[in-house]
Every structure is written in C-alpha cells, then in structure tokens.
Amino acid sequence: MRVEKDHKSLNEFVKSQVDQPTPLKKKTDVPTGFEAGVSWSNKTKSGTITSRALKSNIDPNWNDYLKQWGYDPNKFKVKKDTLQFRCWDANFGVDDNGDPIIETLYYYRCDIELKSPETDDLDYKELAKEIKRHKKAPIKTKLDKDYSMVVCLSDWQIGVRSTTKIMERILQVVDDVDDRIKELKRMGVKPEQLVIYNLGDLVENCSTSGWYANQIATLDVPNVREQMMIARRLVMKCIERWTKHFDKVLIVSLPSNHGQTRSGYKAITDENADNLDLQLFDNIAEMCNVSQAYKNIKFVIPERDYKVTLDIKGVVIQALHGHQFAGGTTAYAKAKSWAEKQSLQNDNQFDVLINGHLHHFSWVNESSKHFIQAPCMLPPDENDWFSAKYGSVSNAGCLTFVVGGKKKIQYLEVL
C-alpha cells in the first residue's frame, strides 16, 4: 500500500493527527449574569433590555438597542421607573510601566413593554397635561355694553279657548324671564340693553263672520276690547318686571294676521298700518312716555311695514310675524324661501331672521345667518291650529337669547 507521506517517527505522526485547539472565547467586560441583550415573553407581555458595558456614565439609547436586537421601537418601550444601574472596575492589562490599567465600567438594565398608541402619543400627553392643568376661572363679567338680551312675545292669542290658562302661563313667563336675567348675571353675563319683540298675534281678534273654521266657537273672550285690555296689562307686567334690570330698553312691535281688520277671511284695511298689534303698543308707548320710571325705554313701531330691520350691537336682526311666508315644508324652509325672494331689496340683508306665526320653536344656523322661529304661548292642545295642520302638539314657551359679538346668538333659552 502506497503511503502519500512518510513520517520519521511516531511522535511526528501523532502530532499531525491532533485536532487544533478550540479558540478561547474573548474575555467579557461584564460580570456573569449582566450580559447585554433583550429578552421578551409573549405570555407575560414583558421583558428586559440590558446595555453593553459603557465606559461613561450616560443613559444609553434604548431605541438603538431595541433595533439592534430586532425589536421595533415603534411597538416597544422602556417601562417607567424600572431602571437598574451597576458599575465595577475592570482590568485592561498593563501600561508601558507595567502598572495595571483599571477602568470603571457601567451597565443599565430596564424592563420593556408594548407601547399603547393612546397613552404614548406625544400630542395626547400634551393634551392630557392641558386638561389636568385646567382650573375654573373666577366669575367675571363676560358680556356688557356690547350685548343685548332679547325676549320675544309671540302668539299669545288672548281670547281663544281657555284665556285663564294662557294668562297663568304668561304670568309664569314673567317670573321665568326675571329669574333668567338674574341667573345670567350670576354667570357674569350682564347685557347692557333689553330688547322686547312683539312678533304678533297677541290677541285672537275675530269678527262675527269668523275667519277660520270653528274660530267663533273656540273664543271665551269674544270682545276685542277686553282681549286688548288683558294683553295690555300683561305686557305692562312684563315691562315692569324686566326693564328695571337694564340701563337701556328697546321695544319693537310688528303687524300680524290676527291683528288685521277683516271681513271673513280677508283683510279690508291696510294690514300693515291698521293692525291691533301696532295699536296695542301705540297705547303702551304713550303710557310709558308719561312715566319717569320708563324714561329709558324706546319704541320702534312701524308706520306701514310688515317687517323691522335693526342693527342691534353690530348684529342685523330682521323681524316679522311670518304670515307672509309661503312655500316650504318646515319653518326654516319657509323663512329661507321668503328671504331669497326678498334678496333684491336693499334692506333685506340680515344676520338673524326671527318670526312667530307657526306656533313652534325652530332655530337653524346656516353659514353666517340664523333663522329663528319663536313658539306660541298657547298651552299644548291636540286641537290647536298647529296640531290640526301639522299633526303634532306645539309646546308653549317664550324665546330668549343674548345678541352681540362674533357668535351673534348666545345663551338661547325657551322659557
């Protein structure tokens, strides 16, 4: 048998067959048990991260360590208040003089956990801080000379059905509005001016020929003179109770369909000039003008117009009864349709359009314009006009709000 290589001695042969020694592991710079790395348990949803030995005492960049060991920093984070710190002296050989080289090494270990998208979002944290820091500001005057309080009288229809109940409801509103004024003051809301709108139909009226089906049969005060007397005394009670809270008072009255002089269904005189709602407030204005107690009141009663447009504290308010409205499935649709048809008139630009007539409350804010309908004062009745036409019961109430400023309408309340 041919041998590829000859060996001079057995020792030489044995030496050639000995495996080369396994290379020794490089000496670690950290004590046993402190090896760098990341551990994670899906069962407990927790783990640890340990830094390499550092020659300076600085916080490591945990995101770099997470990425280095395959953990996404967007999904994992260091758990708060779990930082562990260790340091030790390590021998790094000898220097040129033969003296040992000793250096202090540092290591850090922290627990890690999954991130929560809600609690770890920086913007969310800032928002949470703002909420925590918020404290109620002391009450101060929010509204003053640049604002007015508006109260709308609409569709009392004194004389129809139970006039006693209507009177009781109106007298309750006198108290309610008075309480609302005081409530707003406690809130720091103190408008300088009060504006009272008579949106019309304060009396039922009606001739012996009747205007609507069953109208004569539903009257319990058929005498118009008595209807006017009751309405006049109720309006004066409102003026007496409310105006004392304000330095300035403006009272506006508008013509209405129940204020017309009619023969049957049709008006037989100029409805915008010969109208009971205007006559009622003509009398009230004369009464107030001779009393020093009401010297701060001004009246706006049109000579011959169905609407009144006023700039009140920088807000243009247009008011009318609403019987001029025509097509539309809702109060808002009727008001908007009417306003669009009137748009060519120079004085028909407005910020707020208010009306009565349809017996229920409605408020729609479209872009910069507000369309507001005041409710009636008739107690709920399944047989009233609104219910007969629309199938639902109207809720009685008195519309109040504050006007002025950028919002135009604030603190709206139906009492």
Protein backbone atom coordinates (compact mmCIF):
# COMPACT_ATOMS: atom_id res chain seq x y z
CA MET A 1 0.00 0.00 0.00
CA ARG A 2 1.41 3.27 -1.03
CA VAL A 3 1.78 5.93 1.64
CA GLU A 4 1.41 9.53 0.50
CA LYS A 5 3.70 10.87 3.23
CA ASP A 6 6.39 9.31 5.29
CA HIS A 7 6.82 10.10 8.96
CA LYS A 8 10.22 9.80 10.58
CA SER A 9 8.81 8.93 13.96
CA LEU A 10 5.63 8.00 15.78
CA ASN A 11 5.61 11.25 17.69
CA GLU A 12 5.60 13.20 14.48
CA PHE A 13 2.65 11.15 13.20
CA VAL A 14 0.63 11.63 16.37
CA LYS A 15 1.26 15.33 16.35
CA SER A 16 -0.08 15.63 12.81
CA GLN A 17 -3.34 13.92 13.80
CA VAL A 18 -4.19 16.02 16.92
CA ASP A 19 -7.10 18.41 16.42
CA GLN A 20 -6.30 22.06 16.64
CA PRO A 21 -7.41 23.55 20.00
CA THR A 22 -10.79 25.31 20.07
CA PRO A 23 -10.20 29.08 20.18
CA LEU A 24 -10.88 30.55 23.61
CA LYS A 25 -13.86 32.91 23.98
CA LYS A 26 -12.93 36.53 24.13
CA LYS A 27 -12.91 37.70 27.71
CA THR A 28 -16.10 39.58 28.55
CA ASP A 29 -16.05 43.03 30.15
CA VAL A 30 -19.14 42.42 32.33
CA PRO A 31 -19.74 40.15 35.29
CA THR A 32 -21.61 36.92 34.72
CA GLY A 33 -25.37 37.48 34.58
CA PHE A 34 -25.07 41.01 33.23
CA GLU A 35 -24.64 40.13 29.55
CA ALA A 36 -26.04 42.63 27.05
CA GLY A 37 -29.24 41.71 25.22
CA VAL A 38 -33.04 41.74 25.13
CA SER A 39 -35.46 39.14 26.49
CA TRP A 40 -39.21 39.00 25.84
CA SER A 41 -42.12 36.78 26.94
CA ASN A 42 -45.27 36.73 24.81
CA LYS A 43 -47.07 35.06 27.70
CA THR A 44 -46.48 37.87 30.17
CA LYS A 45 -46.10 40.60 27.53
CA SER A 46 -42.99 41.80 29.34
CA GLY A 47 -39.21 41.59 29.06
CA THR A 48 -35.85 43.22 29.86
CA ILE A 49 -33.18 45.06 27.95
CA THR A 50 -29.56 45.22 29.14
CA SER A 51 -26.93 47.60 27.80
CA ARG A 52 -23.37 46.73 26.90
CA ALA A 53 -20.63 47.76 29.28
CA LEU A 54 -20.15 51.50 28.95
CA LYS A 55 -17.02 53.45 29.82
CA SER A 56 -19.00 56.58 30.69
CA ASN A 57 -21.98 57.09 32.96
CA ILE A 58 -24.57 58.17 30.40
CA ASP A 59 -28.05 56.87 29.61
CA PRO A 60 -27.89 54.51 26.66
CA ASN A 61 -30.03 54.99 23.56
CA TRP A 62 -32.65 52.32 24.20
CA ASN A 63 -34.18 52.61 20.73
CA ASP A 64 -30.81 51.68 19.19
CA TYR A 65 -30.57 48.62 21.44
CA LEU A 66 -34.11 47.56 20.59
CA LYS A 67 -33.43 47.85 16.86
CA GLN A 68 -30.10 46.06 17.19
CA TRP A 69 -31.80 43.02 18.72
CA GLY A 70 -34.74 43.03 16.33
CA TYR A 71 -37.41 44.91 18.37
CA ASP A 72 -39.33 47.74 16.72
CA PRO A 73 -39.07 50.94 18.85
CA ASN A 74 -42.48 51.95 17.48
CA LYS A 75 -44.01 48.92 19.21
CA PHE A 76 -41.83 48.50 22.32
CA LYS A 77 -40.70 50.93 25.00
CA VAL A 78 -38.77 51.04 28.26
CA LYS A 79 -41.13 50.67 31.21
CA LYS A 80 -41.24 53.66 33.51
CA ASP A 81 -39.37 53.52 36.87
CA THR A 82 -37.63 50.16 36.18
CA LEU A 83 -34.06 51.39 35.52
CA GLN A 84 -31.30 49.34 37.22
CA PHE A 85 -27.73 50.62 37.44
CA ARG A 86 -24.46 48.76 38.14
CA CYS A 87 -20.76 49.67 37.94
CA TRP A 88 -17.49 47.75 38.53
CA ASP A 89 -13.73 48.01 37.99
CA ALA A 90 -12.22 46.03 35.12
CA ASN A 91 -8.53 45.23 34.40
CA PHE A 92 -7.45 46.19 30.90
CA GLY A 93 -3.88 44.90 31.10
CA VAL A 94 -0.75 46.92 31.98
CA ASP A 95 0.67 50.16 30.76
CA ASP A 96 4.21 50.84 29.49
CA ASN A 97 5.48 50.99 33.06
CA GLY A 98 3.99 47.63 33.92
CA ASP A 99 1.25 49.08 36.09
CA PRO A 100 -2.28 47.61 35.78
CA ILE A 101 -4.85 49.56 33.74
CA ILE A 102 -8.06 49.75 35.80
CA GLU A 103 -11.24 51.40 34.39
CA THR A 104 -14.76 51.73 35.80
CA LEU A 105 -17.47 50.25 33.58
CA TYR A 106 -21.22 50.91 33.74
CA TYR A 107 -24.24 48.96 32.71
CA TYR A 108 -28.01 49.58 32.66
CA ARG A 109 -30.98 47.26 32.64
CA CYS A 110 -34.68 48.13 32.19
CA ASP A 111 -37.94 46.31 31.79
CA ILE A 112 -39.65 46.70 28.42
CA GLU A 113 -43.31 46.54 27.42
CA LEU A 114 -45.57 47.01 24.43
CA LYS A 115 -46.46 50.58 23.57
CA SER A 116 -50.04 51.86 23.79
CA PRO A 117 -50.96 54.07 20.79
CA GLU A 118 -53.18 56.20 23.03
CA THR A 119 -51.01 56.77 26.09
CA ASP A 120 -47.69 57.02 24.24
CA ASP A 121 -48.74 59.60 21.67
CA LEU A 122 -46.87 62.81 22.45
CA ASP A 123 -49.76 65.04 21.36
CA TYR A 124 -52.11 63.05 23.55
CA LYS A 125 -49.80 63.50 26.52
CA GLU A 126 -49.67 67.24 25.98
CA LEU A 127 -53.45 67.32 25.74
CA ALA A 128 -53.75 65.33 28.96
CA LYS A 129 -51.44 67.82 30.68
CA GLU A 130 -53.59 70.71 29.50
CA ILE A 131 -56.72 69.02 30.84
CA LYS A 132 -55.03 68.38 34.19
CA ARG A 133 -53.82 71.97 34.45
CA HIS A 134 -57.23 73.47 33.66
CA LYS A 135 -58.90 75.27 36.52
CA LYS A 136 -62.19 77.10 36.53
CA ALA A 137 -61.63 80.79 36.03
CA PRO A 138 -63.16 83.15 38.55
CA ILE A 139 -66.53 84.57 37.52
CA LYS A 140 -66.17 87.85 35.73
CA THR A 141 -68.37 89.96 33.51
CA LYS A 142 -68.43 88.21 30.14
CA LEU A 143 -70.91 90.46 28.37
CA ASP A 144 -71.59 94.12 28.94
CA LYS A 145 -72.31 97.15 26.78
CA ASP A 146 -71.61 95.27 23.56
CA TYR A 147 -74.50 92.85 24.08
CA SER A 148 -78.30 92.90 24.39
CA MET A 149 -80.78 90.42 25.79
CA VAL A 150 -83.74 89.68 23.52
CA VAL A 151 -87.16 88.47 24.72
CA CYS A 152 -89.81 87.53 22.14
CA LEU A 153 -93.56 87.81 22.80
CA SER A 154 -95.40 85.79 20.20
CA ASP A 155 -98.82 84.25 19.54
CA TRP A 156 -100.46 84.74 22.92
CA GLN A 157 -103.82 84.86 21.13
CA ILE A 158 -105.68 86.18 24.16
CA GLY A 159 -109.39 85.31 23.89
CA VAL A 160 -109.20 81.84 22.40
CA ARG A 161 -110.16 78.71 24.36
CA SER A 162 -109.02 78.91 28.00
CA THR A 163 -107.86 82.51 28.39
CA THR A 164 -107.36 81.90 32.13
CA LYS A 165 -104.76 79.20 31.42
CA ILE A 166 -102.99 81.42 28.87
CA MET A 167 -102.83 84.25 31.40
CA GLU A 168 -101.40 81.92 34.04
CA ARG A 169 -98.77 80.69 31.58
CA ILE A 170 -97.76 84.24 30.62
CA LEU A 171 -97.53 85.33 34.26
CA GLN A 172 -95.28 82.33 34.86
CA VAL A 173 -93.08 83.53 31.98
CA VAL A 174 -92.89 86.97 33.60
CA ASP A 175 -91.29 85.24 36.60
CA ASP A 176 -89.19 82.91 34.45
CA VAL A 177 -87.64 85.71 32.40
CA ASP A 178 -86.95 87.68 35.58
CA ASP A 179 -85.19 84.62 37.03
CA ARG A 180 -83.28 84.08 33.75
CA ILE A 181 -81.94 87.63 33.87
CA LYS A 182 -80.71 87.08 37.44
CA GLU A 183 -79.26 83.68 36.51
CA LEU A 184 -77.26 85.18 33.65
CA LYS A 185 -75.93 87.88 35.98
CA ARG A 186 -74.71 85.21 38.40
CA MET A 187 -72.87 83.68 35.46
CA GLY A 188 -71.22 87.02 34.74
CA VAL A 189 -73.45 87.69 31.72
CA LYS A 190 -74.71 91.26 32.05
CA PRO A 191 -76.02 92.69 28.77
CA GLU A 192 -76.45 96.45 28.84
CA GLN A 193 -79.70 96.52 26.86
CA LEU A 194 -83.02 94.68 26.83
CA VAL A 195 -84.88 94.28 23.53
CA ILE A 196 -88.51 93.11 23.66
CA TYR A 197 -90.03 91.97 20.37
CA ASN A 198 -93.76 91.67 19.89
CA LEU A 199 -93.81 89.22 16.98
CA GLY A 200 -97.60 89.48 16.69
CA ASP A 201 -100.90 87.71 17.34
CA LEU A 202 -101.05 88.74 20.98
CA VAL A 203 -104.84 88.77 20.70
CA GLU A 204 -107.09 86.34 18.84
CA ASN A 205 -109.37 89.06 17.36
CA CYS A 206 -112.19 87.72 15.13
CA SER A 207 -115.33 89.31 13.71
CA THR A 208 -118.86 87.89 13.90
CA SER A 209 -118.35 86.32 10.47
CA GLY A 210 -115.38 84.27 11.69
CA TRP A 211 -112.02 83.91 9.97
CA TYR A 212 -111.17 80.24 10.35
CA ALA A 213 -113.20 77.06 10.87
CA ASN A 214 -114.78 76.94 14.35
CA GLN A 215 -113.00 80.15 15.40
CA ILE A 216 -116.06 81.80 16.93
CA ALA A 217 -116.90 78.61 18.83
CA THR A 218 -113.44 78.49 20.40
CA LEU A 219 -113.49 82.07 21.79
CA ASP A 220 -114.09 82.54 25.51
CA VAL A 221 -113.40 86.32 25.34
CA PRO A 222 -115.14 87.35 22.09
CA ASN A 223 -114.98 91.08 22.83
CA VAL A 224 -111.85 92.54 21.15
CA ARG A 225 -111.77 95.45 23.60
CA GLU A 226 -111.45 93.02 26.53
CA GLN A 227 -108.83 90.97 24.67
CA MET A 228 -106.77 94.14 24.19
CA MET A 229 -107.16 95.14 27.84
CA ILE A 230 -105.88 91.76 29.06
CA ALA A 231 -102.96 91.82 26.61
CA ARG A 232 -102.08 95.42 27.55
CA ARG A 233 -101.95 94.62 31.27
CA LEU A 234 -99.84 91.52 30.68
CA VAL A 235 -97.35 93.44 28.50
CA MET A 236 -97.10 96.18 31.15
CA LYS A 237 -96.40 93.50 33.77
CA CYS A 238 -93.52 92.27 31.58
CA ILE A 239 -92.16 95.81 31.22
CA GLU A 240 -92.49 96.47 34.96
CA ARG A 241 -90.57 93.32 35.96
CA TRP A 242 -87.89 93.09 33.29
CA THR A 243 -86.82 96.61 32.39
CA LYS A 244 -85.54 97.52 35.88
CA HIS A 245 -82.53 95.25 35.29
CA PHE A 246 -81.24 97.22 32.30
CA ASP A 247 -79.89 100.71 31.58
CA LYS A 248 -81.41 100.72 28.09
CA VAL A 249 -84.62 99.16 26.77
CA LEU A 250 -85.90 98.87 23.21
CA ILE A 251 -89.41 97.60 22.43
CA VAL A 252 -90.39 96.59 18.89
CA SER A 253 -93.87 95.67 17.64
CA LEU A 254 -94.86 94.11 14.32
CA PRO A 255 -98.17 93.69 12.48
CA SER A 256 -99.74 90.22 12.30
CA ASN A 257 -102.58 88.34 10.65
CA HIS A 258 -104.70 88.20 13.84
CA GLY A 259 -104.23 91.94 14.20
CA GLN A 260 -105.90 92.64 10.85
CA THR A 261 -109.34 94.21 10.39
CA ARG A 262 -111.18 91.54 8.46
CA SER A 263 -114.46 90.66 6.92
CA GLY A 264 -114.48 86.92 6.86
CA TYR A 265 -111.09 85.61 5.76
CA LYS A 266 -109.90 88.78 4.02
CA ALA A 267 -108.38 91.96 5.44
CA ILE A 268 -110.47 95.00 4.47
CA THR A 269 -107.98 97.70 5.53
CA ASP A 270 -104.23 98.16 5.17
CA GLU A 271 -102.95 95.26 7.28
CA ASN A 272 -99.53 96.87 7.84
CA ALA A 273 -100.99 100.12 9.16
CA ASP A 274 -104.39 99.22 10.66
CA ASN A 275 -103.34 96.41 12.97
CA LEU A 276 -104.21 95.55 16.58
CA ASP A 277 -100.61 94.59 17.47
CA LEU A 278 -99.44 98.06 16.42
CA GLN A 279 -102.38 99.71 18.17
CA LEU A 280 -101.66 97.80 21.38
CA PHE A 281 -98.07 99.05 21.51
CA ASP A 282 -99.02 102.57 20.45
CA ASN A 283 -101.07 102.72 23.66
CA ILE A 284 -98.29 101.16 25.76
CA ALA A 285 -95.72 103.61 24.34
CA GLU A 286 -97.90 106.58 25.32
CA MET A 287 -98.33 105.17 28.83
CA CYS A 288 -94.56 104.73 29.26
CA ASN A 289 -93.74 108.17 27.84
CA VAL A 290 -95.60 109.93 30.66
CA SER A 291 -93.84 107.94 33.41
CA GLN A 292 -90.36 108.77 34.71
CA ALA A 293 -89.95 105.11 35.67
CA TYR A 294 -89.82 104.16 31.99
CA LYS A 295 -87.81 107.05 30.57
CA ASN A 296 -85.06 104.61 29.48
CA ILE A 297 -87.43 102.82 27.06
CA LYS A 298 -87.52 103.49 23.33
CA PHE A 299 -90.18 102.11 20.98
CA VAL A 300 -89.97 101.04 17.33
CA ILE A 301 -93.47 100.73 15.86
CA PRO A 302 -93.58 100.83 12.04
CA GLU A 303 -95.99 103.24 10.37
CA ARG A 304 -96.64 100.93 7.48
CA ASP A 305 -94.36 97.96 7.10
CA TYR A 306 -94.61 94.24 7.75
CA LYS A 307 -91.00 93.86 8.94
CA VAL A 308 -88.47 95.77 11.03
CA THR A 309 -84.72 95.60 10.40
CA LEU A 310 -82.41 96.87 13.16
CA ASP A 311 -78.70 96.82 13.88
CA ILE A 312 -78.51 95.67 17.50
CA LYS A 313 -74.99 95.63 18.91
CA GLY A 314 -73.47 95.06 15.49
CA VAL A 315 -75.88 92.25 14.58
CA VAL A 316 -78.52 92.95 11.93
CA ILE A 317 -81.84 91.48 13.10
CA GLN A 318 -84.83 91.35 10.79
CA ALA A 319 -88.15 90.54 12.46
CA LEU A 320 -91.64 89.88 11.12
CA HIS A 321 -94.68 87.89 12.16
CA GLY A 322 -94.29 85.23 9.47
CA HIS A 323 -97.75 85.07 7.87
CA GLN A 324 -96.06 86.41 4.73
CA PHE A 325 -94.19 83.12 4.29
CA ALA A 326 -95.40 80.78 1.56
CA GLY A 327 -93.92 77.52 0.26
CA GLY A 328 -91.72 75.25 2.38
CA THR A 329 -92.05 72.00 4.30
CA THR A 330 -90.52 73.38 7.52
CA ALA A 331 -90.43 76.70 9.33
CA TYR A 332 -86.83 77.14 8.24
CA ALA A 333 -87.63 76.28 4.61
CA LYS A 334 -90.48 78.80 4.59
CA ALA A 335 -88.30 81.56 6.10
CA LYS A 336 -85.39 80.86 3.76
CA SER A 337 -87.62 80.78 0.70
CA TRP A 338 -89.13 84.12 1.69
CA ALA A 339 -85.70 85.65 2.36
CA GLU A 340 -84.37 84.51 -1.01
CA LYS A 341 -87.29 86.15 -2.80
CA GLN A 342 -86.67 89.38 -0.87
CA SER A 343 -82.94 89.41 -1.58
CA LEU A 344 -83.15 92.17 -4.23
CA GLN A 345 -84.33 94.66 -1.62
CA ASN A 346 -81.50 96.77 -0.21
CA ASP A 347 -82.73 96.46 3.38
CA ASN A 348 -83.21 92.71 3.30
CA GLN A 349 -79.69 91.80 4.37
CA PHE A 350 -79.65 90.29 7.87
CA ASP A 351 -77.65 88.19 10.32
CA VAL A 352 -80.69 86.96 12.25
CA LEU A 353 -84.25 86.48 10.97
CA ILE A 354 -86.87 85.96 13.70
CA ASN A 355 -90.59 85.29 13.30
CA GLY A 356 -93.60 83.80 15.03
CA HIS A 357 -96.89 82.61 13.45
CA LEU A 358 -96.14 78.88 13.10
CA HIS A 359 -96.53 78.19 16.84
CA HIS A 360 -93.40 76.06 17.43
CA PHE A 361 -89.74 76.71 18.14
CA SER A 362 -87.16 76.37 15.40
CA TRP A 363 -83.55 77.52 15.12
CA VAL A 364 -81.34 76.85 12.10
CA ASN A 365 -77.88 78.35 11.67
CA GLU A 366 -76.85 78.25 8.02
CA SER A 367 -73.43 79.70 7.31
CA SER A 368 -73.41 83.13 8.94
CA LYS A 369 -77.22 83.50 9.15
CA HIS A 370 -79.61 82.44 11.89
CA PHE A 371 -83.26 81.59 11.18
CA ILE A 372 -85.19 81.56 14.48
CA GLN A 373 -88.90 80.97 14.99
CA ALA A 374 -90.45 81.81 18.36
CA PRO A 375 -93.00 79.39 19.83
CA CYS A 376 -96.55 80.31 20.78
CA MET A 377 -97.90 80.89 24.28
CA LEU A 378 -100.98 78.72 23.84
CA PRO A 379 -100.90 75.71 26.20
CA PRO A 380 -100.36 72.38 24.36
CA ASP A 381 -103.59 71.21 22.77
CA GLU A 382 -104.17 68.47 20.25
CA ASN A 383 -106.87 70.60 18.64
CA ASP A 384 -104.97 73.87 18.14
CA TRP A 385 -104.12 75.33 14.74
CA PHE A 386 -100.60 73.95 14.55
CA SER A 387 -101.68 70.44 15.53
CA ALA A 388 -104.60 70.47 13.10
CA LYS A 389 -102.29 71.39 10.22
CA TYR A 390 -99.07 69.53 11.05
CA GLY A 391 -100.24 66.64 13.21
CA SER A 392 -98.15 67.30 16.33
CA VAL A 393 -98.65 69.25 19.55
CA SER A 394 -96.81 72.57 19.82
CA ASN A 395 -95.01 73.34 23.08
CA ALA A 396 -95.73 76.74 24.60
CA GLY A 397 -92.82 78.97 25.59
CA CYS A 398 -91.10 82.33 25.49
CA LEU A 399 -87.96 82.70 23.37
CA THR A 400 -84.97 84.48 24.95
CA PHE A 401 -81.35 84.90 23.84
CA VAL A 402 -78.35 87.25 24.00
CA VAL A 403 -77.22 89.01 20.84
CA GLY A 404 -73.85 90.56 20.00
CA GLY A 405 -70.21 89.68 19.37
CA LYS A 406 -68.76 87.17 16.92
CA LYS A 407 -71.21 84.41 17.86
CA LYS A 408 -74.17 86.76 17.21
CA ILE A 409 -76.51 84.47 19.22
CA GLN A 410 -75.70 83.12 22.68
CA TYR A 411 -77.48 81.78 25.75
CA LEU A 412 -80.66 80.90 23.84
CA GLU A 413 -83.39 79.56 26.10
CA VAL A 414 -87.10 78.85 25.64
CA LEU A 415 -88.83 79.53 28.97
